[in-house]
Amino acid sequence: MTETRSKTHEDHSRKVDKEIGDLSAAYKAVSSKVESSDLTLKVLCNRQERVENILTEVNQKYESLVAMMAQISGVRNDTKEKQVESSVPQNVSGPGMGSHRLGTTPNNHVREEGRMNTRIPKIDFPYFSGEGPREWLRN
């Protein structure tokens, strides 16, 4: 009986040794996969940081672009307003309401002239000699 026990014990120890070898190989495979996963994760983290830095730079450039566009449009609006101010008399009461230009008469009385705030396009007519007004208007 002792021999049978020793045989079964040897068989059992061989099985355990084989299982330990299999587990060791599986552990090595898993640890190499974990190491490669760690490297991949580090690479992805570095890429994410670079993308975040790029997005920050893009946001800053976008904000500066918006500020420049606002400044440019403000300059354009200022020049348009200056053009309108130079072409329209002072003391404007409101858009479409007409403007009032103040002047003085020889007796130093204040007078007003009402005008609309619209720009009238310039129309060039040919010289009218006094003959044939219908022909002159047709041309």
C-alpha atoms as a PDB file:
ATOM      1  CA  MET A   1       0.000   0.000   0.000  1.00  0.00           C
ATOM      2  CA  THR A   2       2.812   2.270   0.601  1.00  0.00           C
ATOM      3  CA  GLU A   3       3.963   1.797  -2.922  1.00  0.00           C
ATOM      4  CA  THR A   4       0.574   2.664  -4.291  1.00  0.00           C
ATOM      5  CA  ARG A   5       0.418   5.724  -2.139  1.00  0.00           C
ATOM      6  CA  SER A   6       3.821   6.840  -3.235  1.00  0.00           C
ATOM      7  CA  LYS A   7       2.857   6.283  -6.877  1.00  0.00           C
ATOM      8  CA  THR A   8      -0.318   8.280  -6.521  1.00  0.00           C
ATOM      9  CA  HIS A   9       1.602  10.907  -4.628  1.00  0.00           C
ATOM     10  CA  GLU A  10       4.209  11.085  -7.423  1.00  0.00           C
ATOM     11  CA  ASP A  11       1.473  11.259 -10.058  1.00  0.00           C
ATOM     12  CA  HIS A  12      -0.219  13.985  -8.126  1.00  0.00           C
ATOM     13  CA  SER A  13       3.035  15.953  -7.722  1.00  0.00           C
ATOM     14  CA  ARG A  14       3.684  15.641 -11.505  1.00  0.00           C
ATOM     15  CA  LYS A  15       0.217  16.986 -12.224  1.00  0.00           C
ATOM     16  CA  VAL A  16       0.788  19.871  -9.811  1.00  0.00           C
ATOM     17  CA  ASP A  17       4.216  20.590 -11.368  1.00  0.00           C
ATOM     18  CA  LYS A  18       2.636  20.572 -14.824  1.00  0.00           C
ATOM     19  CA  GLU A  19      -0.122  22.917 -13.661  1.00  0.00           C
ATOM     20  CA  ILE A  20       2.476  25.196 -12.058  1.00  0.00           C
ATOM     21  CA  GLY A  21       4.425  25.256 -15.354  1.00  0.00           C
ATOM     22  CA  ASP A  22       1.248  26.047 -17.293  1.00  0.00           C
ATOM     23  CA  LEU A  23       0.328  28.798 -14.824  1.00  0.00           C
ATOM     24  CA  SER A  24       3.851  30.205 -15.042  1.00  0.00           C
ATOM     25  CA  ALA A  25       3.638  30.356 -18.849  1.00  0.00           C
ATOM     26  CA  ALA A  26       0.185  31.964 -18.631  1.00  0.00           C
ATOM     27  CA  TYR A  27       1.520  34.478 -16.088  1.00  0.00           C
ATOM     28  CA  LYS A  28       4.403  35.394 -18.398  1.00  0.00           C
ATOM     29  CA  ALA A  29       1.994  35.845 -21.333  1.00  0.00           C
ATOM     30  CA  VAL A  30      -0.359  37.992 -19.270  1.00  0.00           C
ATOM     31  CA  SER A  31       2.486  40.081 -17.839  1.00  0.00           C
ATOM     32  CA  SER A  32       3.861  40.765 -21.348  1.00  0.00           C
ATOM     33  CA  LYS A  33       0.368  41.783 -22.463  1.00  0.00           C
ATOM     34  CA  VAL A  34       0.053  44.060 -19.419  1.00  0.00           C
ATOM     35  CA  GLU A  35       3.415  45.660 -20.204  1.00  0.00           C
ATOM     36  CA  SER A  36       2.396  46.285 -23.821  1.00  0.00           C
ATOM     37  CA  SER A  37      -0.941  47.659 -22.601  1.00  0.00           C
ATOM     38  CA  ASP A  38       0.918  49.974 -20.211  1.00  0.00           C
ATOM     39  CA  LEU A  39       3.093  51.237 -23.060  1.00  0.00           C
ATOM     40  CA  THR A  40       0.035  51.745 -25.257  1.00  0.00           C
ATOM     41  CA  LEU A  41      -1.712  53.589 -22.438  1.00  0.00           C
ATOM     42  CA  LYS A  42       1.315  55.871 -21.929  1.00  0.00           C
ATOM     43  CA  VAL A  43       1.415  56.629 -25.660  1.00  0.00           C
ATOM     44  CA  LEU A  44      -2.303  57.431 -25.645  1.00  0.00           C
ATOM     45  CA  CYS A  45      -1.885  59.702 -22.609  1.00  0.00           C
ATOM     46  CA  ASN A  46       0.939  61.567 -24.356  1.00  0.00           C
ATOM     47  CA  ARG A  47      -1.186  61.945 -27.476  1.00  0.00           C
ATOM     48  CA  GLN A  48      -4.128  63.192 -25.431  1.00  0.00           C
ATOM     49  CA  GLU A  49      -1.916  65.798 -23.756  1.00  0.00           C
ATOM     50  CA  ARG A  50      -0.642  66.944 -27.158  1.00  0.00           C
ATOM     51  CA  VAL A  51      -4.203  67.166 -28.497  1.00  0.00           C
ATOM     52  CA  GLU A  52      -5.262  69.196 -25.448  1.00  0.00           C
ATOM     53  CA  ASN A  53      -2.298  71.545 -25.971  1.00  0.00           C
ATOM     54  CA  ILE A  54      -3.187  71.930 -29.645  1.00  0.00           C
ATOM     55  CA  LEU A  55      -6.826  72.628 -28.760  1.00  0.00           C
ATOM     56  CA  THR A  56      -5.726  75.269 -26.272  1.00  0.00           C
ATOM     57  CA  GLU A  57      -3.577  76.926 -28.944  1.00  0.00           C
ATOM     58  CA  VAL A  58      -6.417  76.749 -31.465  1.00  0.00           C
ATOM     59  CA  ASN A  59      -8.819  78.317 -28.960  1.00  0.00           C
ATOM     60  CA  GLN A  60      -6.361  81.137 -28.296  1.00  0.00           C
ATOM     61  CA  LYS A  61      -5.886  81.730 -32.019  1.00  0.00           C
ATOM     62  CA  TYR A  62      -9.651  81.659 -32.565  1.00  0.00           C
ATOM     63  CA  GLU A  63     -10.198  84.198 -29.791  1.00  0.00           C
ATOM     64  CA  SER A  64      -7.517  86.484 -31.201  1.00  0.00           C
ATOM     65  CA  LEU A  65      -9.051  86.097 -34.673  1.00  0.00           C
ATOM     66  CA  VAL A  66     -12.479  87.027 -33.331  1.00  0.00           C
ATOM     67  CA  ALA A  67     -10.964  90.037 -31.568  1.00  0.00           C
ATOM     68  CA  MET A  68      -9.206  91.135 -34.761  1.00  0.00           C
ATOM     69  CA  MET A  69     -12.412  90.705 -36.774  1.00  0.00           C
ATOM     70  CA  ALA A  70     -14.312  92.773 -34.218  1.00  0.00           C
ATOM     71  CA  GLN A  71     -11.608  95.415 -34.331  1.00  0.00           C
ATOM     72  CA  ILE A  72     -11.673  95.453 -38.134  1.00  0.00           C
ATOM     73  CA  SER A  73     -15.450  95.676 -38.245  1.00  0.00           C
ATOM     74  CA  GLY A  74     -15.294  98.415 -35.619  1.00  0.00           C
ATOM     75  CA  VAL A  75     -12.816 100.333 -37.750  1.00  0.00           C
ATOM     76  CA  ARG A  76     -15.049  99.860 -40.770  1.00  0.00           C
ATOM     77  CA  ASN A  77     -18.088 101.002 -38.807  1.00  0.00           C
ATOM     78  CA  ASP A  78     -16.145 104.016 -37.552  1.00  0.00           C
ATOM     79  CA  THR A  79     -15.092 104.954 -41.080  1.00  0.00           C
ATOM     80  CA  LYS A  80     -18.647 104.463 -42.353  1.00  0.00           C
ATOM     81  CA  GLU A  81     -19.960 106.652 -39.543  1.00  0.00           C
ATOM     82  CA  LYS A  82     -17.351 109.291 -40.336  1.00  0.00           C
ATOM     83  CA  GLN A  83     -18.325 109.173 -44.008  1.00  0.00           C
ATOM     84  CA  VAL A  84     -21.989 109.522 -43.109  1.00  0.00           C
ATOM     85  CA  GLU A  85     -21.213 112.341 -40.683  1.00  0.00           C
ATOM     86  CA  SER A  86     -19.218 114.193 -43.302  1.00  0.00           C
ATOM     87  CA  SER A  87     -21.947 113.802 -45.932  1.00  0.00           C
ATOM     88  CA  VAL A  88     -24.937 114.431 -43.637  1.00  0.00           C
ATOM     89  CA  PRO A  89     -25.419 117.755 -41.847  1.00  0.00           C
ATOM     90  CA  GLN A  90     -24.861 117.939 -38.093  1.00  0.00           C
ATOM     91  CA  ASN A  91     -27.659 117.791 -35.476  1.00  0.00           C
ATOM     92  CA  VAL A  92     -29.265 114.626 -36.825  1.00  0.00           C
ATOM     93  CA  SER A  93     -32.497 113.854 -35.016  1.00  0.00           C
ATOM     94  CA  GLY A  94     -32.682 110.165 -35.957  1.00  0.00           C
ATOM     95  CA  PRO A  95     -32.633 107.766 -38.886  1.00  0.00           C
ATOM     96  CA  GLY A  96     -35.369 108.539 -41.364  1.00  0.00           C
ATOM     97  CA  MET A  97     -36.635 111.402 -39.240  1.00  0.00           C
ATOM     98  CA  GLY A  98     -34.810 114.035 -41.207  1.00  0.00           C
ATOM     99  CA  SER A  99     -31.966 116.192 -40.155  1.00  0.00           C
ATOM    100  CA  HIS A 100     -32.070 119.747 -39.036  1.00  0.00           C
ATOM    101  CA  ARG A 101     -29.318 122.091 -40.027  1.00  0.00           C
ATOM    102  CA  LEU A 102     -29.202 125.195 -37.988  1.00  0.00           C
ATOM    103  CA  GLY A 103     -28.245 128.450 -39.579  1.00  0.00           C
ATOM    104  CA  THR A 104     -28.579 132.115 -38.861  1.00  0.00           C
ATOM    105  CA  THR A 105     -30.345 134.783 -40.812  1.00  0.00           C
ATOM    106  CA  PRO A 106     -28.878 138.243 -41.279  1.00  0.00           C
ATOM    107  CA  ASN A 107     -30.795 139.325 -38.157  1.00  0.00           C
ATOM    108  CA  ASN A 108     -29.168 136.479 -36.115  1.00  0.00           C
ATOM    109  CA  HIS A 109     -32.411 134.495 -35.947  1.00  0.00           C
ATOM    110  CA  VAL A 110     -32.013 130.715 -35.896  1.00  0.00           C
ATOM    111  CA  ARG A 111     -33.518 128.888 -38.855  1.00  0.00           C
ATOM    112  CA  GLU A 112     -33.855 125.179 -39.591  1.00  0.00           C
ATOM    113  CA  GLU A 113     -33.878 123.213 -42.785  1.00  0.00           C
ATOM    114  CA  GLY A 114     -35.444 119.756 -42.670  1.00  0.00           C
ATOM    115  CA  ARG A 115     -33.704 117.078 -44.749  1.00  0.00           C
ATOM    116  CA  MET A 116     -33.943 113.325 -45.010  1.00  0.00           C
ATOM    117  CA  ASN A 117     -30.951 111.169 -44.048  1.00  0.00           C
ATOM    118  CA  THR A 118     -30.854 109.328 -47.333  1.00  0.00           C
ATOM    119  CA  ARG A 119     -28.056 109.483 -49.827  1.00  0.00           C
ATOM    120  CA  ILE A 120     -29.250 110.509 -53.253  1.00  0.00           C
ATOM    121  CA  PRO A 121     -27.326 109.028 -56.160  1.00  0.00           C
ATOM    122  CA  LYS A 122     -25.746 111.465 -58.567  1.00  0.00           C
ATOM    123  CA  ILE A 123     -27.433 111.627 -61.977  1.00  0.00           C
ATOM    124  CA  ASP A 124     -25.605 113.173 -64.906  1.00  0.00           C
ATOM    125  CA  PHE A 125     -27.760 114.805 -67.591  1.00  0.00           C
ATOM    126  CA  PRO A 126     -26.439 115.930 -70.959  1.00  0.00           C
ATOM    127  CA  TYR A 127     -26.225 119.647 -71.641  1.00  0.00           C
ATOM    128  CA  PHE A 128     -29.635 121.142 -72.507  1.00  0.00           C
ATOM    129  CA  SER A 129     -29.370 123.663 -75.294  1.00  0.00           C
ATOM    130  CA  GLY A 130     -32.981 124.783 -75.024  1.00  0.00           C
ATOM    131  CA  GLU A 131     -34.301 122.982 -78.102  1.00  0.00           C
ATOM    132  CA  GLY A 132     -36.318 119.740 -78.066  1.00  0.00           C
ATOM    133  CA  PRO A 133     -36.812 118.936 -74.367  1.00  0.00           C
ATOM    134  CA  ARG A 134     -38.408 115.574 -75.244  1.00  0.00           C
ATOM    135  CA  GLU A 135     -35.360 114.468 -77.205  1.00  0.00           C
ATOM    136  CA  TRP A 136     -33.117 115.695 -74.409  1.00  0.00           C
ATOM    137  CA  LEU A 137     -35.056 113.599 -71.842  1.00  0.00           C
ATOM    138  CA  ARG A 138     -34.989 110.497 -74.060  1.00  0.00           C
ATOM    139  CA  ASN A 139     -31.201 110.620 -74.289  1.00  0.00           C
END
